[in-house]
Amino acid sequence: MKNIKYILTFILVIVPLDLFSQNNIDWKKIEEETMTHFQAILRFDTSDPPGNELPVVEYLKSVLDKEGIESKIFALDPNRPNLVARIKGSGKKQPLLMMGHTDVVNVDTAKWTFPPFSATRSNGYVYGRGTVDDKDNVVSCLMNMILLKRMKVELDRDVIFLAESGEEGNVKYGIKYMVENHWDEINAEFCLAEGGGVTREGGKNRYAGIQTTEKIPYGINLISRGPAGHGSRPLKTNAILHLARAVDKASSWRTPMRLNETTKMFFEKMALVSDKKIAPLFKNISDGKNLESTQDYFAENIPGYYSVLRTSISPNIIKGGYRINVIPSEVVATLDVRALPDENMTQFLETLRGIINDPQIEVKLSDRDTRPGATPSRLNSEAFSAIEQSIEKFYNVLTIPTMSTGATDMAYLRQKGVQCYGIGPALDEEDGPKGFSAHSDQERILEESLHTFVKFQFDLLKRIAGKKNVPVQ
């Protein structure tokens, strides 16, 4: 009996686990199928505004229907619907939500080498608006729902796919609508969505950034008022003069540096994967040394890292004046403020008023529709551990938690207690400066990168949602 047990143990260890899993997948055919669906949804113009995500949702639903996967459509505006698909598990654990948005930012067609909604394939890339924001996530979610169903993967969690509208500026049609009106359809313990990805440099994977928190966008108006007058008789009370001084003071203010669990680990781990020139700067932040000079370097040379350290202020809009010979009585500057997740905005406004110190300037929040603040997602969760394992398997790099300086719809889910993690495919660090990144005029993705991401996500879903006896190798 002992010998039999030994032999069985030997077989399980030596024989590849692929033979005991659902990994008898023809990945070449899956890649072809992925590309068919990817090109199809890229060719729908879902620029937001106006959005018009309906054709993409109808396409996704038709594909899911053919696979026998349950899906529903929810819409505040019939032309801007959201799709929710679900594959049920045993219910032993709470659901896992995958999310991707079907709208894209607007385009200036004249600046594109390939038409922005042509989904042109060239030299191993796919070009088009939405290739990396966020129809790559949409098609990966679609393909992984299909794979879970076809492979009959046993699940301890329901796996939910939300294809949402309005992420690029009209959340009332998408995530806000779903959270406020159909929460039961998407309620989950964990969520995987955009916001992260593998950074590649010189064709080699460098590290995987996983978004575990994000800054919250606010608009702050500086309103300067003074008596109007003739431009030939300059006034010390000139509203533009006072506004200019206020904008300079606000922009020059070095808001307090403050780390949270995510950003502290970010700087610690970036020190391990960076070159000799910059690694000491990351270590300075995590060790609390040479902070002023290090922040000066980031502010001048790598403003993204400077922004990660604090609530940031950028003056982006100024309105005022209507004639060259008239001193205006009112002018307004709007500051783009990206607040740390735990920022007390009432206190922040009071401090800013003191910094400006001008009774002629009114400081107040604008009417900008902002996302909610929330506690960062945990780094010791089952999901984050699974992400680290899948990253190691497919990309062989260190997993580093990140805080987005921009905004994603995961903010609405984190506020409800969902542990959210931003993932994404491997992208070349050089693509940004070349103008090939998200929101650029030549958005693109490597086909190989997309296909690896689909495999990575399938592996990750099995780790998080699969039954314990479901192999993930």
Foldseek 3Di string as FASTA:
>chain_A
DVVVVVVVVVCVVPPDCCVVFLPPDPLVVLLVVLLVLLLVLLLDQQAPVVGQLQVNQVVLVVVCVVLVWDKDWDWPDNSFIKMKTKDFAPQQFWAEEEEAESHFHDADQVLAPDGQSRQDDDPQKTWHTCQVRPSLSVSLLSSLVSSCSVSVFHWNYMYMYMHFYDFVAGCCTGLVVCVVPPVVRGDGQEYEYADWEFEAEPNATQETEKAQAAFKKFKKKKKFFDDKDWQVDDDPSQRVVLVVLLVVLLQPDLADFDDDPQLLQQLVVCLVRDDPVCSVLSVCVNVVHPVVVSLVCCVVPPVQNNVQGFWHKDFDDKDDDDDPTMRTRMIMIMITTGGDLPDDVVVVQVVSCVSSVDPSIDMDIDPRDMFHRADGADCPDLLNVLLQVLCCVLRVHYYGYDYHSDDGSCSSVRRVVHRYMHYGWYDYPVCVVVQQDGPGNTDMDRSVRSSSVSLSVSLSCCSVTGDPPHDSD
